[in-house]
Amino acid sequence: MTKISWNVLDSMAALQELVRKSHETPVLIYKHSTRCSISSMVLSRLERSWDQSTTPSLKWYFLDLITYREVSNAIAQKFQVYHESPQVLLIIDGNSSFHTSHMGISATAIKEAWDSVSA
């Protein structure tokens, strides 16, 4: 399996750039809490089960929401999703086309969301 190539989401400028890039290629945000064992378990499970070769153009962004709370809050506001952690959002053309959290996060769920928007 091909490992996830994470981009770090660590500033408001990086969030603006992510939104800009989403008009060229889909992006996925993983919001991670370093204080939450569920977040760590979900991240580990996702990294072990994901095959990035199935979605080569998808850009992955990792947000440490404890360190970058301002960015996390901006994501909730910009994409009109309730803040949760862990949480993933699939961003296409500047909008969230899919989001889920906690145990709803899986390689299968992300791949199904990807397939529904890339068909």
N, C-alpha and C. Protein backbone atom coordinates (compact mmCIF):
# COMPACT_ATOMS: atom_id res chain seq x y z
N MET A 1 0.83 -1.19 0.00
CA MET A 1 0.00 0.00 0.00
C MET A 1 0.87 1.25 0.00
N THR A 2 0.36 2.26 -0.63
CA THR A 2 1.05 3.54 -0.66
C THR A 2 0.65 4.35 0.56
N LYS A 3 1.62 4.88 1.27
CA LYS A 3 1.37 5.67 2.48
C LYS A 3 0.72 7.00 2.13
N ILE A 4 0.04 7.58 3.11
CA ILE A 4 -0.57 8.89 2.94
C ILE A 4 0.54 9.94 2.95
N SER A 5 0.50 10.82 1.98
CA SER A 5 1.45 11.93 1.92
C SER A 5 0.77 13.15 2.54
N TRP A 6 1.04 13.36 3.83
CA TRP A 6 0.38 14.45 4.56
C TRP A 6 1.01 15.80 4.25
N ASN A 7 0.17 16.81 4.10
CA ASN A 7 0.57 18.21 4.11
C ASN A 7 0.12 18.75 5.47
N VAL A 8 0.93 19.56 6.09
CA VAL A 8 0.59 20.10 7.41
C VAL A 8 -0.25 21.36 7.23
N LEU A 9 -1.37 21.39 7.92
CA LEU A 9 -2.26 22.55 7.92
C LEU A 9 -2.01 23.28 9.24
N ASP A 10 -1.23 24.37 9.17
CA ASP A 10 -0.76 24.99 10.41
C ASP A 10 -0.93 26.50 10.46
N SER A 11 -1.75 27.05 9.55
CA SER A 11 -1.96 28.49 9.57
C SER A 11 -3.21 28.84 8.78
N MET A 12 -3.68 30.06 8.99
CA MET A 12 -4.82 30.55 8.22
C MET A 12 -4.43 30.68 6.74
N ALA A 13 -3.18 31.07 6.49
CA ALA A 13 -2.70 31.18 5.11
C ALA A 13 -2.71 29.81 4.43
N ALA A 14 -2.31 28.78 5.16
CA ALA A 14 -2.33 27.42 4.61
C ALA A 14 -3.76 26.97 4.32
N LEU A 15 -4.71 27.37 5.17
CA LEU A 15 -6.12 27.05 4.92
C LEU A 15 -6.61 27.75 3.66
N GLN A 16 -6.26 29.01 3.49
CA GLN A 16 -6.65 29.73 2.27
C GLN A 16 -6.05 29.07 1.03
N GLU A 17 -4.80 28.63 1.13
CA GLU A 17 -4.16 27.95 0.01
C GLU A 17 -4.84 26.61 -0.29
N LEU A 18 -5.23 25.90 0.75
CA LEU A 18 -5.94 24.63 0.60
C LEU A 18 -7.25 24.86 -0.15
N VAL A 19 -7.98 25.89 0.23
CA VAL A 19 -9.25 26.20 -0.45
C VAL A 19 -8.98 26.52 -1.92
N ARG A 20 -7.95 27.29 -2.19
CA ARG A 20 -7.59 27.61 -3.57
C ARG A 20 -7.27 26.34 -4.35
N LYS A 21 -6.47 25.46 -3.75
CA LYS A 21 -6.09 24.21 -4.43
C LYS A 21 -7.30 23.31 -4.69
N SER A 22 -8.32 23.41 -3.83
CA SER A 22 -9.49 22.55 -3.98
C SER A 22 -10.26 22.82 -5.27
N HIS A 23 -9.97 23.95 -5.91
CA HIS A 23 -10.59 24.25 -7.20
C HIS A 23 -9.86 23.53 -8.34
N GLU A 24 -8.66 23.02 -8.05
CA GLU A 24 -7.88 22.29 -9.04
C GLU A 24 -7.92 20.79 -8.81
N THR A 25 -7.91 20.39 -7.53
CA THR A 25 -7.92 18.98 -7.17
C THR A 25 -8.56 18.82 -5.80
N PRO A 26 -9.27 17.73 -5.56
CA PRO A 26 -9.90 17.54 -4.25
C PRO A 26 -8.85 17.46 -3.13
N VAL A 27 -9.23 17.97 -1.97
CA VAL A 27 -8.36 17.90 -0.80
C VAL A 27 -9.13 17.30 0.37
N LEU A 28 -8.42 16.64 1.23
CA LEU A 28 -9.02 16.03 2.42
C LEU A 28 -8.32 16.58 3.64
N ILE A 29 -9.10 17.02 4.61
CA ILE A 29 -8.56 17.52 5.88
C ILE A 29 -8.83 16.48 6.95
N TYR A 30 -7.78 16.11 7.69
CA TYR A 30 -7.94 15.27 8.87
C TYR A 30 -7.67 16.14 10.08
N LYS A 31 -8.71 16.35 10.90
CA LYS A 31 -8.58 17.14 12.12
C LYS A 31 -8.29 16.17 13.27
N HIS A 32 -7.13 16.34 13.88
CA HIS A 32 -6.63 15.42 14.89
C HIS A 32 -6.44 16.11 16.23
N SER A 33 -6.89 15.45 17.28
CA SER A 33 -6.64 15.93 18.64
C SER A 33 -5.57 15.06 19.28
N THR A 34 -4.48 15.69 19.67
CA THR A 34 -3.39 14.96 20.32
C THR A 34 -3.76 14.53 21.73
N ARG A 35 -4.88 15.01 22.25
CA ARG A 35 -5.34 14.66 23.59
C ARG A 35 -6.41 13.58 23.60
N CYS A 36 -6.73 13.06 22.43
CA CYS A 36 -7.85 12.13 22.32
C CYS A 36 -7.38 10.77 21.81
N SER A 37 -7.61 9.73 22.61
CA SER A 37 -7.17 8.40 22.21
C SER A 37 -7.96 7.88 21.00
N ILE A 38 -9.22 8.29 20.87
CA ILE A 38 -10.00 7.87 19.71
C ILE A 38 -9.40 8.46 18.44
N SER A 39 -9.01 9.73 18.51
CA SER A 39 -8.41 10.39 17.35
C SER A 39 -7.14 9.66 16.92
N SER A 40 -6.32 9.28 17.88
CA SER A 40 -5.08 8.56 17.57
C SER A 40 -5.37 7.19 16.98
N MET A 41 -6.36 6.49 17.53
CA MET A 41 -6.72 5.16 17.04
C MET A 41 -7.27 5.25 15.61
N VAL A 42 -8.15 6.22 15.35
CA VAL A 42 -8.73 6.38 14.02
C VAL A 42 -7.64 6.74 13.01
N LEU A 43 -6.73 7.64 13.39
CA LEU A 43 -5.62 8.00 12.50
C LEU A 43 -4.76 6.79 12.17
N SER A 44 -4.41 6.02 13.16
CA SER A 44 -3.60 4.82 12.95
C SER A 44 -4.30 3.83 12.02
N ARG A 45 -5.58 3.61 12.27
CA ARG A 45 -6.36 2.69 11.43
C ARG A 45 -6.42 3.18 9.99
N LEU A 46 -6.64 4.48 9.82
CA LEU A 46 -6.71 5.05 8.47
C LEU A 46 -5.38 4.93 7.75
N GLU A 47 -4.29 5.24 8.44
CA GLU A 47 -2.97 5.16 7.80
C GLU A 47 -2.60 3.73 7.44
N ARG A 48 -3.02 2.76 8.24
CA ARG A 48 -2.72 1.36 7.93
C ARG A 48 -3.55 0.82 6.78
N SER A 49 -4.77 1.34 6.60
CA SER A 49 -5.68 0.76 5.61
C SER A 49 -5.78 1.53 4.30
N TRP A 50 -5.24 2.75 4.26
CA TRP A 50 -5.39 3.57 3.05
C TRP A 50 -4.40 3.19 1.98
N ASP A 51 -4.87 3.11 0.76
CA ASP A 51 -4.01 2.90 -0.41
C ASP A 51 -4.12 4.14 -1.27
N GLN A 52 -3.16 5.04 -1.14
CA GLN A 52 -3.22 6.32 -1.82
C GLN A 52 -3.20 6.18 -3.34
N SER A 53 -2.77 5.04 -3.84
CA SER A 53 -2.75 4.86 -5.29
C SER A 53 -4.16 4.81 -5.88
N THR A 54 -5.18 4.61 -5.03
CA THR A 54 -6.56 4.58 -5.52
C THR A 54 -7.10 5.98 -5.78
N THR A 55 -6.46 7.00 -5.20
CA THR A 55 -6.88 8.40 -5.38
C THR A 55 -5.64 9.28 -5.51
N PRO A 56 -4.86 9.09 -6.57
CA PRO A 56 -3.56 9.76 -6.65
C PRO A 56 -3.64 11.29 -6.66
N SER A 57 -4.74 11.87 -7.10
CA SER A 57 -4.81 13.33 -7.15
C SER A 57 -5.35 13.96 -5.87
N LEU A 58 -5.80 13.15 -4.92
CA LEU A 58 -6.32 13.67 -3.65
C LEU A 58 -5.17 14.17 -2.79
N LYS A 59 -5.26 15.42 -2.34
CA LYS A 59 -4.25 16.02 -1.46
C LYS A 59 -4.73 15.91 -0.02
N TRP A 60 -3.87 15.41 0.85
CA TRP A 60 -4.21 15.16 2.25
C TRP A 60 -3.59 16.23 3.14
N TYR A 61 -4.40 16.77 4.05
CA TYR A 61 -3.94 17.79 4.99
C TYR A 61 -4.22 17.33 6.42
N PHE A 62 -3.22 17.50 7.27
CA PHE A 62 -3.30 17.09 8.67
C PHE A 62 -3.31 18.33 9.55
N LEU A 63 -4.33 18.45 10.39
CA LEU A 63 -4.45 19.57 11.31
C LEU A 63 -4.39 19.08 12.74
N ASP A 64 -3.39 19.55 13.49
CA ASP A 64 -3.33 19.34 14.93
C ASP A 64 -4.22 20.43 15.53
N LEU A 65 -5.45 20.06 15.86
CA LEU A 65 -6.41 21.09 16.25
C LEU A 65 -6.18 21.63 17.66
N ILE A 66 -5.36 21.00 18.45
CA ILE A 66 -5.02 21.56 19.76
C ILE A 66 -4.05 22.73 19.56
N THR A 67 -3.03 22.50 18.77
CA THR A 67 -2.02 23.53 18.51
C THR A 67 -2.58 24.66 17.65
N TYR A 68 -3.43 24.31 16.69
CA TYR A 68 -3.93 25.30 15.73
C TYR A 68 -5.45 25.44 15.84
N ARG A 69 -5.90 25.76 17.04
CA ARG A 69 -7.34 25.88 17.33
C ARG A 69 -8.01 26.92 16.42
N GLU A 70 -7.32 28.03 16.15
CA GLU A 70 -7.88 29.09 15.29
C GLU A 70 -8.21 28.53 13.90
N VAL A 71 -7.32 27.70 13.38
CA VAL A 71 -7.55 27.10 12.05
C VAL A 71 -8.73 26.13 12.13
N SER A 72 -8.79 25.34 13.18
CA SER A 72 -9.89 24.40 13.36
C SER A 72 -11.23 25.14 13.42
N ASN A 73 -11.28 26.22 14.17
CA ASN A 73 -12.51 27.01 14.27
C ASN A 73 -12.89 27.61 12.91
N ALA A 74 -11.89 28.05 12.16
CA ALA A 74 -12.14 28.63 10.83
C ALA A 74 -12.70 27.57 9.88
N ILE A 75 -12.23 26.34 10.00
CA ILE A 75 -12.74 25.25 9.16
C ILE A 75 -14.22 25.01 9.46
N ALA A 76 -14.58 24.96 10.74
CA ALA A 76 -15.98 24.75 11.12
C ALA A 76 -16.86 25.86 10.55
N GLN A 77 -16.39 27.08 10.65
CA GLN A 77 -17.17 28.21 10.15
C GLN A 77 -17.22 28.24 8.63
N LYS A 78 -16.08 28.11 7.98
CA LYS A 78 -16.01 28.20 6.52
C LYS A 78 -16.85 27.14 5.83
N PHE A 79 -16.75 25.90 6.33
CA PHE A 79 -17.42 24.79 5.67
C PHE A 79 -18.75 24.42 6.32
N GLN A 80 -19.15 25.20 7.34
CA GLN A 80 -20.44 25.04 8.01
C GLN A 80 -20.66 23.61 8.51
N VAL A 81 -19.64 23.12 9.22
CA VAL A 81 -19.73 21.80 9.84
C VAL A 81 -19.48 21.96 11.33
N TYR A 82 -20.17 21.19 12.12
CA TYR A 82 -19.99 21.19 13.56
C TYR A 82 -18.61 20.65 13.88
N HIS A 83 -17.87 21.33 14.75
CA HIS A 83 -16.53 20.89 15.11
C HIS A 83 -16.58 19.57 15.85
N GLU A 84 -15.82 18.61 15.38
CA GLU A 84 -15.63 17.33 16.06
C GLU A 84 -14.19 16.91 15.87
N SER A 85 -13.76 15.98 16.69
CA SER A 85 -12.44 15.41 16.48
C SER A 85 -12.45 13.97 17.00
N PRO A 86 -11.89 13.10 16.21
CA PRO A 86 -11.33 13.35 14.90
C PRO A 86 -12.43 13.64 13.88
N GLN A 87 -12.04 14.28 12.82
CA GLN A 87 -13.00 14.63 11.77
C GLN A 87 -12.26 14.71 10.43
N VAL A 88 -12.93 14.29 9.37
CA VAL A 88 -12.39 14.47 8.03
C VAL A 88 -13.40 15.25 7.20
N LEU A 89 -12.85 16.07 6.30
CA LEU A 89 -13.67 16.82 5.35
C LEU A 89 -13.05 16.67 3.98
N LEU A 90 -13.86 16.37 2.99
CA LEU A 90 -13.43 16.32 1.60
C LEU A 90 -13.85 17.64 0.96
N ILE A 91 -12.89 18.42 0.52
CA ILE A 91 -13.14 19.75 -0.01
C ILE A 91 -12.94 19.75 -1.53
N ILE A 92 -13.98 20.17 -2.23
CA ILE A 92 -13.95 20.26 -3.69
C ILE A 92 -14.53 21.61 -4.09
N ASP A 93 -13.81 22.33 -4.93
CA ASP A 93 -14.26 23.64 -5.40
C ASP A 93 -14.62 24.57 -4.25
N GLY A 94 -13.84 24.51 -3.17
CA GLY A 94 -14.04 25.41 -2.05
C GLY A 94 -15.16 25.05 -1.11
N ASN A 95 -15.78 23.88 -1.31
CA ASN A 95 -16.90 23.46 -0.46
C ASN A 95 -16.67 22.06 0.09
N SER A 96 -17.24 21.80 1.25
CA SER A 96 -17.17 20.46 1.83
C SER A 96 -18.21 19.58 1.16
N SER A 97 -17.74 18.56 0.45
CA SER A 97 -18.66 17.66 -0.22
C SER A 97 -18.94 16.41 0.62
N PHE A 98 -18.13 16.23 1.67
CA PHE A 98 -18.29 15.07 2.56
C PHE A 98 -17.58 15.39 3.86
N HIS A 99 -18.18 15.01 4.96
CA HIS A 99 -17.48 15.08 6.25
C HIS A 99 -18.05 14.02 7.17
N THR A 100 -17.20 13.53 8.02
CA THR A 100 -17.61 12.55 9.02
C THR A 100 -16.62 12.63 10.18
N SER A 101 -16.97 11.97 11.26
CA SER A 101 -16.10 12.03 12.43
C SER A 101 -16.08 10.68 13.16
N HIS A 102 -15.21 10.63 14.13
CA HIS A 102 -15.04 9.49 15.02
C HIS A 102 -14.96 8.18 14.23
N MET A 103 -15.79 7.21 14.58
CA MET A 103 -15.70 5.89 13.97
C MET A 103 -16.27 5.86 12.55
N GLY A 104 -16.86 6.96 12.10
CA GLY A 104 -17.31 7.06 10.71
C GLY A 104 -16.15 7.26 9.75
N ILE A 105 -14.98 7.59 10.29
CA ILE A 105 -13.80 7.80 9.47
C ILE A 105 -13.18 6.46 9.14
N SER A 106 -13.13 6.15 7.86
CA SER A 106 -12.50 4.90 7.42
C SER A 106 -12.05 5.07 5.99
N ALA A 107 -11.15 4.21 5.59
CA ALA A 107 -10.70 4.21 4.19
C ALA A 107 -11.88 3.97 3.27
N THR A 108 -12.78 3.08 3.65
CA THR A 108 -13.94 2.77 2.83
C THR A 108 -14.85 3.98 2.67
N ALA A 109 -15.14 4.69 3.77
CA ALA A 109 -16.03 5.86 3.70
C ALA A 109 -15.42 6.96 2.84
N ILE A 110 -14.13 7.19 2.99
CA ILE A 110 -13.46 8.23 2.20
C ILE A 110 -13.44 7.83 0.73
N LYS A 111 -13.15 6.58 0.45
CA LYS A 111 -13.10 6.11 -0.94
C LYS A 111 -14.49 6.21 -1.58
N GLU A 112 -15.54 5.87 -0.85
CA GLU A 112 -16.89 5.98 -1.39
C GLU A 112 -17.24 7.44 -1.68
N ALA A 113 -16.86 8.35 -0.78
CA ALA A 113 -17.11 9.78 -1.01
C ALA A 113 -16.32 10.25 -2.23
N TRP A 114 -15.08 9.83 -2.33
CA TRP A 114 -14.24 10.16 -3.49
C TRP A 114 -14.88 9.67 -4.78
N ASP A 115 -15.30 8.41 -4.78
CA ASP A 115 -15.90 7.83 -5.98
C ASP A 115 -17.17 8.58 -6.39
N SER A 116 -17.96 9.02 -5.43
CA SER A 116 -19.22 9.70 -5.75
C SER A 116 -19.00 11.07 -6.37
N VAL A 117 -17.88 11.71 -6.05
CA VAL A 117 -17.62 13.05 -6.60
C VAL A 117 -16.69 13.03 -7.82
N SER A 118 -15.98 11.94 -8.01
CA SER A 118 -15.02 11.89 -9.12
C SER A 118 -15.56 11.10 -10.31
N ALA A 119 -16.76 10.61 -10.19
CA ALA A 119 -17.35 9.82 -11.29
C ALA A 119 -17.77 10.69 -12.44
